[in-house]
Amino acid sequence: MPRKRKQQPQGIQRYSRYFIAGTASAGLLLSIGCIAKGSSSPLNGSAYVQFGAISIPSLGVLAYAAMLLLAVLPIITKHQDIAGKTWLGMFIGSTAMTVLSGNRLYFMFSVM
């Protein structure tokens, strides 16, 4: 059985991890800025600023740091065998971040 040739990524696919890393870096810096500023939200003192026992900006720092790590790990280590696992991790992480952001927007616009 003949082997299939592995296609090289073209266009935006070649640099997609760099784009994701840049976006995660921007989100990480914004979340750190919110923590450094001391205001967790425009709605200070609200019960919706917390997610469990963790403040939303702290959760953002953890989430964006994880996305940044998953985006650059195959680039830094030069191991392409972990690329598929990190894509799955980024998909799961970004889906969770989207759901949580939608939840927070719902509370901000409808409940408050």
PDB file of N, CA and C in Angstrom:
ATOM      1  N   MET A   1       0.835  -1.165   0.000  1.00  0.00           N
ATOM      2  CA  MET A   1       0.000   0.000   0.000  1.00  0.00           C
ATOM      3  C   MET A   1       0.892   1.243   0.000  1.00  0.00           C
ATOM      4  N   PRO A   2       0.702   2.130  -0.966  1.00  0.00           N
ATOM      5  CA  PRO A   2       1.567   3.305  -1.043  1.00  0.00           C
ATOM      6  C   PRO A   2       1.237   4.311   0.065  1.00  0.00           C
ATOM      7  N   ARG A   3       2.257   4.998   0.486  1.00  0.00           N
ATOM      8  CA  ARG A   3       2.080   6.017   1.524  1.00  0.00           C
ATOM      9  C   ARG A   3       1.519   7.296   0.934  1.00  0.00           C
ATOM     10  N   LYS A   4       0.757   7.975   1.730  1.00  0.00           N
ATOM     11  CA  LYS A   4       0.282   9.286   1.320  1.00  0.00           C
ATOM     12  C   LYS A   4       1.351  10.309   1.662  1.00  0.00           C
ATOM     13  N   ARG A   5       1.546  11.237   0.760  1.00  0.00           N
ATOM     14  CA  ARG A   5       2.476  12.319   1.067  1.00  0.00           C
ATOM     15  C   ARG A   5       1.799  13.312   1.993  1.00  0.00           C
ATOM     16  N   LYS A   6       2.538  13.756   2.972  1.00  0.00           N
ATOM     17  CA  LYS A   6       1.987  14.720   3.912  1.00  0.00           C
ATOM     18  C   LYS A   6       2.034  16.108   3.284  1.00  0.00           C
ATOM     19  N   GLN A   7       0.888  16.759   3.240  1.00  0.00           N
ATOM     20  CA  GLN A   7       0.828  18.078   2.648  1.00  0.00           C
ATOM     21  C   GLN A   7       1.332  19.122   3.639  1.00  0.00           C
ATOM     22  N   GLN A   8       2.046  20.084   3.129  1.00  0.00           N
ATOM     23  CA  GLN A   8       2.497  21.204   3.941  1.00  0.00           C
ATOM     24  C   GLN A   8       1.354  22.205   4.064  1.00  0.00           C
ATOM     25  N   PRO A   9       1.173  22.800   5.244  1.00  0.00           N
ATOM     26  CA  PRO A   9       0.104  23.790   5.397  1.00  0.00           C
ATOM     27  C   PRO A   9       0.346  24.998   4.506  1.00  0.00           C
ATOM     28  N   GLN A  10      -0.732  25.536   3.983  1.00  0.00           N
ATOM     29  CA  GLN A  10      -0.662  26.680   3.080  1.00  0.00           C
ATOM     30  C   GLN A  10      -1.340  27.890   3.705  1.00  0.00           C
ATOM     31  N   GLY A  11      -0.903  29.063   3.342  1.00  0.00           N
ATOM     32  CA  GLY A  11      -1.570  30.301   3.718  1.00  0.00           C
ATOM     33  C   GLY A  11      -1.680  30.502   5.214  1.00  0.00           C
ATOM     34  N   ILE A  12      -2.894  30.792   5.641  1.00  0.00           N
ATOM     35  CA  ILE A  12      -3.125  31.117   7.048  1.00  0.00           C
ATOM     36  C   ILE A  12      -2.887  29.915   7.967  1.00  0.00           C
ATOM     37  N   GLN A  13      -3.025  28.707   7.437  1.00  0.00           N
ATOM     38  CA  GLN A  13      -2.812  27.515   8.258  1.00  0.00           C
ATOM     39  C   GLN A  13      -1.371  27.421   8.746  1.00  0.00           C
ATOM     40  N   ARG A  14      -0.450  27.914   7.948  1.00  0.00           N
ATOM     41  CA  ARG A  14       0.962  27.842   8.322  1.00  0.00           C
ATOM     42  C   ARG A  14       1.256  28.690   9.554  1.00  0.00           C
ATOM     43  N   TYR A  15       0.578  29.825   9.679  1.00  0.00           N
ATOM     44  CA  TYR A  15       0.859  30.759  10.764  1.00  0.00           C
ATOM     45  C   TYR A  15      -0.252  30.818  11.805  1.00  0.00           C
ATOM     46  N   SER A  16      -1.174  29.877  11.794  1.00  0.00           N
ATOM     47  CA  SER A  16      -2.327  29.945  12.692  1.00  0.00           C
ATOM     48  C   SER A  16      -1.929  29.879  14.157  1.00  0.00           C
ATOM     49  N   ARG A  17      -0.936  29.090  14.493  1.00  0.00           N
ATOM     50  CA  ARG A  17      -0.507  29.022  15.895  1.00  0.00           C
ATOM     51  C   ARG A  17       0.058  30.360  16.361  1.00  0.00           C
ATOM     52  N   TYR A  18       0.726  31.083  15.473  1.00  0.00           N
ATOM     53  CA  TYR A  18       1.255  32.398  15.837  1.00  0.00           C
ATOM     54  C   TYR A  18       0.117  33.393  16.059  1.00  0.00           C
ATOM     55  N   PHE A  19      -0.921  33.328  15.240  1.00  0.00           N
ATOM     56  CA  PHE A  19      -2.082  34.201  15.414  1.00  0.00           C
ATOM     57  C   PHE A  19      -2.792  33.901  16.741  1.00  0.00           C
ATOM     58  N   ILE A  20      -2.944  32.628  17.046  1.00  0.00           N
ATOM     59  CA  ILE A  20      -3.591  32.235  18.300  1.00  0.00           C
ATOM     60  C   ILE A  20      -2.740  32.674  19.483  1.00  0.00           C
ATOM     61  N   ALA A  21      -1.426  32.526  19.376  1.00  0.00           N
ATOM     62  CA  ALA A  21      -0.531  32.946  20.449  1.00  0.00           C
ATOM     63  C   ALA A  21      -0.594  34.460  20.652  1.00  0.00           C
ATOM     64  N   GLY A  22      -0.684  35.213  19.573  1.00  0.00           N
ATOM     65  CA  GLY A  22      -0.800  36.667  19.691  1.00  0.00           C
ATOM     66  C   GLY A  22      -2.097  37.091  20.352  1.00  0.00           C
ATOM     67  N   THR A  23      -3.181  36.448  19.969  1.00  0.00           N
ATOM     68  CA  THR A  23      -4.477  36.763  20.574  1.00  0.00           C
ATOM     69  C   THR A  23      -4.508  36.381  22.050  1.00  0.00           C
ATOM     70  N   ALA A  24      -3.940  35.236  22.381  1.00  0.00           N
ATOM     71  CA  ALA A  24      -3.887  34.805  23.776  1.00  0.00           C
ATOM     72  C   ALA A  24      -2.993  35.739  24.594  1.00  0.00           C
ATOM     73  N   SER A  25      -1.913  36.230  23.998  1.00  0.00           N
ATOM     74  CA  SER A  25      -1.035  37.178  24.694  1.00  0.00           C
ATOM     75  C   SER A  25      -1.758  38.483  24.990  1.00  0.00           C
ATOM     76  N   ALA A  26      -2.521  38.972  24.023  1.00  0.00           N
ATOM     77  CA  ALA A  26      -3.287  40.204  24.238  1.00  0.00           C
ATOM     78  C   ALA A  26      -4.318  40.012  25.350  1.00  0.00           C
ATOM     79  N   GLY A  27      -5.032  38.905  25.339  1.00  0.00           N
ATOM     80  CA  GLY A  27      -5.999  38.625  26.392  1.00  0.00           C
ATOM     81  C   GLY A  27      -5.337  38.471  27.756  1.00  0.00           C
ATOM     82  N   LEU A  28      -4.169  37.843  27.764  1.00  0.00           N
ATOM     83  CA  LEU A  28      -3.430  37.674  29.014  1.00  0.00           C
ATOM     84  C   LEU A  28      -3.018  39.035  29.583  1.00  0.00           C
ATOM     85  N   LEU A  29      -2.507  39.914  28.738  1.00  0.00           N
ATOM     86  CA  LEU A  29      -2.111  41.240  29.197  1.00  0.00           C
ATOM     87  C   LEU A  29      -3.305  42.054  29.682  1.00  0.00           C
ATOM     88  N   LEU A  30      -4.435  41.950  28.996  1.00  0.00           N
ATOM     89  CA  LEU A  30      -5.633  42.666  29.451  1.00  0.00           C
ATOM     90  C   LEU A  30      -6.138  42.144  30.787  1.00  0.00           C
ATOM     91  N   SER A  31      -6.088  40.831  30.966  1.00  0.00           N
ATOM     92  CA  SER A  31      -6.533  40.256  32.239  1.00  0.00           C
ATOM     93  C   SER A  31      -5.603  40.649  33.374  1.00  0.00           C
ATOM     94  N   ILE A  32      -4.315  40.653  33.103  1.00  0.00           N
ATOM     95  CA  ILE A  32      -3.354  41.082  34.128  1.00  0.00           C
ATOM     96  C   ILE A  32      -3.550  42.558  34.450  1.00  0.00           C
ATOM     97  N   GLY A  33      -3.857  43.353  33.418  1.00  0.00           N
ATOM     98  CA  GLY A  33      -4.140  44.771  33.640  1.00  0.00           C
ATOM     99  C   GLY A  33      -5.355  44.989  34.518  1.00  0.00           C
ATOM    100  N   CYS A  34      -6.387  44.163  34.341  1.00  0.00           N
ATOM    101  CA  CYS A  34      -7.581  44.265  35.196  1.00  0.00           C
ATOM    102  C   CYS A  34      -7.248  43.934  36.640  1.00  0.00           C
ATOM    103  N   ILE A  35      -6.414  42.937  36.832  1.00  0.00           N
ATOM    104  CA  ILE A  35      -6.030  42.566  38.200  1.00  0.00           C
ATOM    105  C   ILE A  35      -5.167  43.656  38.810  1.00  0.00           C
ATOM    106  N   ALA A  36      -4.210  44.203  38.036  1.00  0.00           N
ATOM    107  CA  ALA A  36      -3.310  45.233  38.541  1.00  0.00           C
ATOM    108  C   ALA A  36      -4.052  46.529  38.853  1.00  0.00           C
ATOM    109  N   LYS A  37      -5.077  46.834  38.053  1.00  0.00           N
ATOM    110  CA  LYS A  37      -5.867  48.040  38.273  1.00  0.00           C
ATOM    111  C   LYS A  37      -6.671  47.932  39.569  1.00  0.00           C
ATOM    112  N   GLY A  38      -7.011  46.723  39.927  1.00  0.00           N
ATOM    113  CA  GLY A  38      -7.734  46.517  41.173  1.00  0.00           C
ATOM    114  C   GLY A  38      -9.231  46.465  41.015  1.00  0.00           C
ATOM    115  N   SER A  39      -9.724  46.738  39.835  1.00  0.00           N
ATOM    116  CA  SER A  39     -11.171  46.649  39.634  1.00  0.00           C
ATOM    117  C   SER A  39     -11.460  45.395  38.839  1.00  0.00           C
ATOM    118  N   SER A  40     -12.207  44.506  39.413  1.00  0.00           N
ATOM    119  CA  SER A  40     -12.523  43.258  38.751  1.00  0.00           C
ATOM    120  C   SER A  40     -13.537  43.442  37.650  1.00  0.00           C
ATOM    121  N   SER A  41     -14.269  44.507  37.712  1.00  0.00           N
ATOM    122  CA  SER A  41     -15.331  44.735  36.740  1.00  0.00           C
ATOM    123  C   SER A  41     -15.849  46.148  36.919  1.00  0.00           C
ATOM    124  N   PRO A  42     -16.557  46.678  35.934  1.00  0.00           N
ATOM    125  CA  PRO A  42     -17.232  47.952  36.167  1.00  0.00           C
ATOM    126  C   PRO A  42     -18.284  47.837  37.266  1.00  0.00           C
ATOM    127  N   LEU A  43     -18.706  46.638  37.543  1.00  0.00           N
ATOM    128  CA  LEU A  43     -19.737  46.394  38.553  1.00  0.00           C
ATOM    129  C   LEU A  43     -19.083  45.919  39.852  1.00  0.00           C
ATOM    130  N   ASN A  44     -18.248  46.763  40.457  1.00  0.00           N
ATOM    131  CA  ASN A  44     -17.531  46.355  41.668  1.00  0.00           C
ATOM    132  C   ASN A  44     -18.501  45.957  42.770  1.00  0.00           C
ATOM    133  N   GLY A  45     -18.152  44.934  43.467  1.00  0.00           N
ATOM    134  CA  GLY A  45     -18.977  44.462  44.557  1.00  0.00           C
ATOM    135  C   GLY A  45     -20.105  43.552  44.135  1.00  0.00           C
ATOM    136  N   SER A  46     -20.241  43.280  42.879  1.00  0.00           N
ATOM    137  CA  SER A  46     -21.317  42.434  42.391  1.00  0.00           C
ATOM    138  C   SER A  46     -20.998  40.963  42.643  1.00  0.00           C
ATOM    139  N   ALA A  47     -22.034  40.193  42.834  1.00  0.00           N
ATOM    140  CA  ALA A  47     -21.855  38.750  43.020  1.00  0.00           C
ATOM    141  C   ALA A  47     -21.471  38.061  41.721  1.00  0.00           C
ATOM    142  N   TYR A  48     -21.698  38.734  40.595  1.00  0.00           N
ATOM    143  CA  TYR A  48     -21.406  38.133  39.294  1.00  0.00           C
ATOM    144  C   TYR A  48     -19.954  38.319  38.858  1.00  0.00           C
ATOM    145  N   VAL A  49     -19.150  38.980  39.667  1.00  0.00           N
ATOM    146  CA  VAL A  49     -17.735  39.169  39.358  1.00  0.00           C
ATOM    147  C   VAL A  49     -16.947  37.923  39.725  1.00  0.00           C
ATOM    148  N   GLN A  50     -17.539  37.062  40.494  1.00  0.00           N
ATOM    149  CA  GLN A  50     -16.892  35.828  40.931  1.00  0.00           C
ATOM    150  C   GLN A  50     -17.449  34.645  40.154  1.00  0.00           C
ATOM    151  N   PHE A  51     -16.590  33.682  39.887  1.00  0.00           N
ATOM    152  CA  PHE A  51     -17.012  32.400  39.328  1.00  0.00           C
ATOM    153  C   PHE A  51     -16.566  31.360  40.332  1.00  0.00           C
ATOM    154  N   GLY A  52     -17.475  30.975  41.202  1.00  0.00           N
ATOM    155  CA  GLY A  52     -17.087  30.136  42.329  1.00  0.00           C
ATOM    156  C   GLY A  52     -16.315  30.995  43.316  1.00  0.00           C
ATOM    157  N   ALA A  53     -15.103  30.589  43.640  1.00  0.00           N
ATOM    158  CA  ALA A  53     -14.266  31.357  44.560  1.00  0.00           C
ATOM    159  C   ALA A  53     -13.204  32.165  43.820  1.00  0.00           C
ATOM    160  N   ILE A  54     -13.197  32.101  42.480  1.00  0.00           N
ATOM    161  CA  ILE A  54     -12.160  32.741  41.683  1.00  0.00           C
ATOM    162  C   ILE A  54     -12.757  33.966  40.996  1.00  0.00           C
ATOM    163  N   SER A  55     -12.017  35.085  41.019  1.00  0.00           N
ATOM    164  CA  SER A  55     -12.499  36.271  40.314  1.00  0.00           C
ATOM    165  C   SER A  55     -12.364  36.054  38.807  1.00  0.00           C
ATOM    166  N   ILE A  56     -13.185  36.727  38.045  1.00  0.00           N
ATOM    167  CA  ILE A  56     -13.196  36.566  36.585  1.00  0.00           C
ATOM    168  C   ILE A  56     -11.860  36.946  35.946  1.00  0.00           C
ATOM    169  N   PRO A  57     -11.207  38.066  36.346  1.00  0.00           N
ATOM    170  CA  PRO A  57      -9.901  38.346  35.737  1.00  0.00           C
ATOM    171  C   PRO A  57      -8.840  37.285  36.055  1.00  0.00           C
ATOM    172  N   SER A  58      -8.880  36.707  37.242  1.00  0.00           N
ATOM    173  CA  SER A  58      -7.934  35.636  37.578  1.00  0.00           C
ATOM    174  C   SER A  58      -8.199  34.403  36.720  1.00  0.00           C
ATOM    175  N   LEU A  59      -9.451  34.109  36.497  1.00  0.00           N
ATOM    176  CA  LEU A  59      -9.814  32.999  35.624  1.00  0.00           C
ATOM    177  C   LEU A  59      -9.376  33.281  34.188  1.00  0.00           C
ATOM    178  N   GLY A  60      -9.472  34.539  33.771  1.00  0.00           N
ATOM    179  CA  GLY A  60      -9.007  34.929  32.445  1.00  0.00           C
ATOM    180  C   GLY A  60      -7.507  34.754  32.290  1.00  0.00           C
ATOM    181  N   VAL A  61      -6.748  35.105  33.318  1.00  0.00           N
ATOM    182  CA  VAL A  61      -5.290  34.914  33.270  1.00  0.00           C
ATOM    183  C   VAL A  61      -4.957  33.439  33.103  1.00  0.00           C
ATOM    184  N   LEU A  62      -5.617  32.594  33.859  1.00  0.00           N
ATOM    185  CA  LEU A  62      -5.362  31.149  33.752  1.00  0.00           C
ATOM    186  C   LEU A  62      -5.745  30.615  32.374  1.00  0.00           C
ATOM    187  N   ALA A  63      -6.894  31.034  31.865  1.00  0.00           N
ATOM    188  CA  ALA A  63      -7.369  30.528  30.575  1.00  0.00           C
ATOM    189  C   ALA A  63      -6.480  31.005  29.426  1.00  0.00           C
ATOM    190  N   TYR A  64      -6.138  32.292  29.417  1.00  0.00           N
ATOM    191  CA  TYR A  64      -5.300  32.808  28.331  1.00  0.00           C
ATOM    192  C   TYR A  64      -3.880  32.267  28.406  1.00  0.00           C
ATOM    193  N   ALA A  65      -3.362  32.059  29.612  1.00  0.00           N
ATOM    194  CA  ALA A  65      -2.031  31.462  29.747  1.00  0.00           C
ATOM    195  C   ALA A  65      -2.028  30.023  29.224  1.00  0.00           C
ATOM    196  N   ALA A  66      -3.092  29.281  29.509  1.00  0.00           N
ATOM    197  CA  ALA A  66      -3.190  27.909  29.012  1.00  0.00           C
ATOM    198  C   ALA A  66      -3.276  27.889  27.480  1.00  0.00           C
ATOM    199  N   MET A  67      -4.057  28.802  26.904  1.00  0.00           N
ATOM    200  CA  MET A  67      -4.166  28.863  25.447  1.00  0.00           C
ATOM    201  C   MET A  67      -2.832  29.250  24.808  1.00  0.00           C
ATOM    202  N   LEU A  68      -2.120  30.182  25.429  1.00  0.00           N
ATOM    203  CA  LEU A  68      -0.810  30.579  24.915  1.00  0.00           C
ATOM    204  C   LEU A  68       0.170  29.415  24.971  1.00  0.00           C
ATOM    205  N   LEU A  69       0.152  28.691  26.068  1.00  0.00           N
ATOM    206  CA  LEU A  69       1.038  27.532  26.211  1.00  0.00           C
ATOM    207  C   LEU A  69       0.718  26.458  25.181  1.00  0.00           C
ATOM    208  N   LEU A  70      -0.555  26.166  24.992  1.00  0.00           N
ATOM    209  CA  LEU A  70      -0.941  25.159  24.004  1.00  0.00           C
ATOM    210  C   LEU A  70      -0.598  25.590  22.579  1.00  0.00           C
ATOM    211  N   ALA A  71      -0.651  26.885  22.303  1.00  0.00           N
ATOM    212  CA  ALA A  71      -0.356  27.367  20.956  1.00  0.00           C
ATOM    213  C   ALA A  71       1.134  27.285  20.637  1.00  0.00           C
ATOM    214  N   VAL A  72       1.986  27.587  21.604  1.00  0.00           N
ATOM    215  CA  VAL A  72       3.420  27.652  21.314  1.00  0.00           C
ATOM    216  C   VAL A  72       4.183  26.384  21.671  1.00  0.00           C
ATOM    217  N   LEU A  73       3.579  25.467  22.373  1.00  0.00           N
ATOM    218  CA  LEU A  73       4.293  24.260  22.803  1.00  0.00           C
ATOM    219  C   LEU A  73       4.889  23.458  21.647  1.00  0.00           C
ATOM    220  N   PRO A  74       4.146  23.155  20.573  1.00  0.00           N
ATOM    221  CA  PRO A  74       4.775  22.416  19.466  1.00  0.00           C
ATOM    222  C   PRO A  74       5.849  23.228  18.735  1.00  0.00           C
ATOM    223  N   ILE A  75       5.719  24.550  18.748  1.00  0.00           N
ATOM    224  CA  ILE A  75       6.711  25.391  18.080  1.00  0.00           C
ATOM    225  C   ILE A  75       8.015  25.405  18.873  1.00  0.00           C
ATOM    226  N   ILE A  76       7.897  25.557  20.177  1.00  0.00           N
ATOM    227  CA  ILE A  76       9.089  25.644  21.024  1.00  0.00           C
ATOM    228  C   ILE A  76       9.805  24.308  21.118  1.00  0.00           C
ATOM    229  N   THR A  77       9.047  23.234  21.330  1.00  0.00           N
ATOM    230  CA  THR A  77       9.670  21.930  21.541  1.00  0.00           C
ATOM    231  C   THR A  77      10.049  21.235  20.244  1.00  0.00           C
ATOM    232  N   LYS A  78       9.538  21.722  19.112  1.00  0.00           N
ATOM    233  CA  LYS A  78       9.800  21.116  17.796  1.00  0.00           C
ATOM    234  C   LYS A  78       9.283  19.687  17.689  1.00  0.00           C
ATOM    235  N   HIS A  79       8.327  19.319  18.536  1.00  0.00           N
ATOM    236  CA  HIS A  79       7.697  17.999  18.469  1.00  0.00           C
ATOM    237  C   HIS A  79       6.342  18.156  17.803  1.00  0.00           C
ATOM    238  N   GLN A  80       6.248  17.735  16.576  1.00  0.00           N
ATOM    239  CA  GLN A  80       4.990  17.847  15.848  1.00  0.00           C
ATOM    240  C   GLN A  80       4.008  16.749  16.220  1.00  0.00           C
ATOM    241  N   ASP A  81       4.470  15.735  16.966  1.00  0.00           N
ATOM    242  CA  ASP A  81       3.551  14.670  17.353  1.00  0.00           C
ATOM    243  C   ASP A  81       2.560  15.130  18.419  1.00  0.00           C
ATOM    244  N   ILE A  82       2.862  16.214  19.138  1.00  0.00           N
ATOM    245  CA  ILE A  82       1.913  16.730  20.123  1.00  0.00           C
ATOM    246  C   ILE A  82       0.991  17.787  19.543  1.00  0.00           C
ATOM    247  N   ALA A  83       1.169  18.106  18.276  1.00  0.00           N
ATOM    248  CA  ALA A  83       0.369  19.167  17.650  1.00  0.00           C
ATOM    249  C   ALA A  83      -1.123  18.828  17.649  1.00  0.00           C
ATOM    250  N   GLY A  84      -1.467  17.588  17.367  1.00  0.00           N
ATOM    251  CA  GLY A  84      -2.878  17.200  17.349  1.00  0.00           C
ATOM    252  C   GLY A  84      -3.530  17.310  18.718  1.00  0.00           C
ATOM    253  N   LYS A  85      -2.794  16.920  19.747  1.00  0.00           N
ATOM    254  CA  LYS A  85      -3.337  17.003  21.112  1.00  0.00           C
ATOM    255  C   LYS A  85      -3.513  18.452  21.543  1.00  0.00           C
ATOM    256  N   THR A  86      -2.574  19.311  21.148  1.00  0.00           N
ATOM    257  CA  THR A  86      -2.719  20.709  21.530  1.00  0.00           C
ATOM    258  C   THR A  86      -3.850  21.389  20.753  1.00  0.00           C
ATOM    259  N   TRP A  87      -4.095  20.962  19.495  1.00  0.00           N
ATOM    260  CA  TRP A  87      -5.245  21.502  18.763  1.00  0.00           C
ATOM    261  C   TRP A  87      -6.542  21.135  19.481  1.00  0.00           C
ATOM    262  N   LEU A  88      -6.624  19.895  19.947  1.00  0.00           N
ATOM    263  CA  LEU A  88      -7.823  19.483  20.685  1.00  0.00           C
ATOM    264  C   LEU A  88      -7.964  20.285  21.975  1.00  0.00           C
ATOM    265  N   GLY A  89      -6.860  20.487  22.666  1.00  0.00           N
ATOM    266  CA  GLY A  89      -6.898  21.285  23.897  1.00  0.00           C
ATOM    267  C   GLY A  89      -7.307  22.723  23.641  1.00  0.00           C
ATOM    268  N   MET A  90      -6.804  23.308  22.544  1.00  0.00           N
ATOM    269  CA  MET A  90      -7.203  24.677  22.215  1.00  0.00           C
ATOM    270  C   MET A  90      -8.665  24.753  21.818  1.00  0.00           C
ATOM    271  N   PHE A  91      -9.163  23.729  21.137  1.00  0.00           N
ATOM    272  CA  PHE A  91     -10.583  23.712  20.772  1.00  0.00           C
ATOM    273  C   PHE A  91     -11.461  23.644  22.023  1.00  0.00           C
ATOM    274  N   ILE A  92     -11.118  22.750  22.932  1.00  0.00           N
ATOM    275  CA  ILE A  92     -11.897  22.615  24.167  1.00  0.00           C
ATOM    276  C   ILE A  92     -11.803  23.890  25.000  1.00  0.00           C
ATOM    277  N   GLY A  93     -10.601  24.442  25.114  1.00  0.00           N
ATOM    278  CA  GLY A  93     -10.414  25.669  25.893  1.00  0.00           C
ATOM    279  C   GLY A  93     -11.148  26.852  25.306  1.00  0.00           C
ATOM    280  N   SER A  94     -11.070  27.027  24.003  1.00  0.00           N
ATOM    281  CA  SER A  94     -11.748  28.162  23.379  1.00  0.00           C
ATOM    282  C   SER A  94     -13.264  28.014  23.442  1.00  0.00           C
ATOM    283  N   THR A  95     -13.749  26.779  23.350  1.00  0.00           N
ATOM    284  CA  THR A  95     -15.194  26.558  23.486  1.00  0.00           C
ATOM    285  C   THR A  95     -15.654  26.897  24.900  1.00  0.00           C
ATOM    286  N   ALA A  96     -14.891  26.480  25.893  1.00  0.00           N
ATOM    287  CA  ALA A  96     -15.241  26.800  27.283  1.00  0.00           C
ATOM    288  C   ALA A  96     -15.184  28.307  27.527  1.00  0.00           C
ATOM    289  N   MET A  97     -14.181  28.976  26.971  1.00  0.00           N
ATOM    290  CA  MET A  97     -14.074  30.428  27.136  1.00  0.00           C
ATOM    291  C   MET A  97     -15.236  31.147  26.458  1.00  0.00           C
ATOM    292  N   THR A  98     -15.668  30.655  25.314  1.00  0.00           N
ATOM    293  CA  THR A  98     -16.798  31.259  24.609  1.00  0.00           C
ATOM    294  C   THR A  98     -18.091  31.096  25.398  1.00  0.00           C
ATOM    295  N   VAL A  99     -18.308  29.914  25.936  1.00  0.00           N
ATOM    296  CA  VAL A  99     -19.524  29.662  26.725  1.00  0.00           C
ATOM    297  C   VAL A  99     -19.536  30.534  27.980  1.00  0.00           C
ATOM    298  N   LEU A 100     -18.405  30.627  28.670  1.00  0.00           N
ATOM    299  CA  LEU A 100     -18.341  31.443  29.882  1.00  0.00           C
ATOM    300  C   LEU A 100     -18.530  32.922  29.546  1.00  0.00           C
ATOM    301  N   SER A 101     -17.945  33.389  28.457  1.00  0.00           N
ATOM    302  CA  SER A 101     -18.128  34.790  28.057  1.00  0.00           C
ATOM    303  C   SER A 101     -19.573  35.074  27.696  1.00  0.00           C
ATOM    304  N   GLY A 102     -20.208  34.152  26.997  1.00  0.00           N
ATOM    305  CA  GLY A 102     -21.623  34.319  26.678  1.00  0.00           C
ATOM    306  C   GLY A 102     -22.490  34.353  27.924  1.00  0.00           C
ATOM    307  N   ASN A 103     -22.164  33.511  28.881  1.00  0.00           N
ATOM    308  CA  ASN A 103     -22.879  33.484  30.151  1.00  0.00           C
ATOM    309  C   ASN A 103     -22.736  34.815  30.877  1.00  0.00           C
ATOM    310  N   ARG A 104     -21.526  35.341  30.917  1.00  0.00           N
ATOM    311  CA  ARG A 104     -21.276  36.608  31.608  1.00  0.00           C
ATOM    312  C   ARG A 104     -21.964  37.765  30.892  1.00  0.00           C
ATOM    313  N   LEU A 105     -21.967  37.744  29.568  1.00  0.00           N
ATOM    314  CA  LEU A 105     -22.668  38.796  28.823  1.00  0.00           C
ATOM    315  C   LEU A 105     -24.178  38.732  29.058  1.00  0.00           C
ATOM    316  N   TYR A 106     -24.707  37.540  29.141  1.00  0.00           N
ATOM    317  CA  TYR A 106     -26.124  37.369  29.441  1.00  0.00           C
ATOM    318  C   TYR A 106     -26.465  37.995  30.788  1.00  0.00           C
ATOM    319  N   PHE A 107     -25.668  37.690  31.796  1.00  0.00           N
ATOM    320  CA  PHE A 107     -25.924  38.245  33.121  1.00  0.00           C
ATOM    321  C   PHE A 107     -25.765  39.763  33.117  1.00  0.00           C
ATOM    322  N   MET A 108     -24.779  40.258  32.386  1.00  0.00           N
ATOM    323  CA  MET A 108     -24.531  41.696  32.389  1.00  0.00           C
ATOM    324  C   MET A 108     -25.675  42.456  31.733  1.00  0.00           C
ATOM    325  N   PHE A 109     -26.227  41.921  30.640  1.00  0.00           N
ATOM    326  CA  PHE A 109     -27.244  42.663  29.918  1.00  0.00           C
ATOM    327  C   PHE A 109     -28.680  42.359  30.365  1.00  0.00           C
ATOM    328  N   SER A 110     -28.925  41.217  30.934  1.00  0.00           N
ATOM    329  CA  SER A 110     -30.312  40.898  31.266  1.00  0.00           C
ATOM    330  C   SER A 110     -30.601  40.964  32.760  1.00  0.00           C
ATOM    331  N   VAL A 111     -29.686  40.535  33.575  1.00  0.00           N
ATOM    332  CA  VAL A 111     -29.969  40.464  35.007  1.00  0.00           C
ATOM    333  C   VAL A 111     -29.705  41.796  35.677  1.00  0.00           C
ATOM    334  N   MET A 112     -28.660  42.492  35.257  1.00  0.00           N
ATOM    335  CA  MET A 112     -28.284  43.721  35.958  1.00  0.00           C
ATOM    336  C   MET A 112     -28.962  44.907  35.393  1.00  0.00           C
TER     337      MET A 112
END
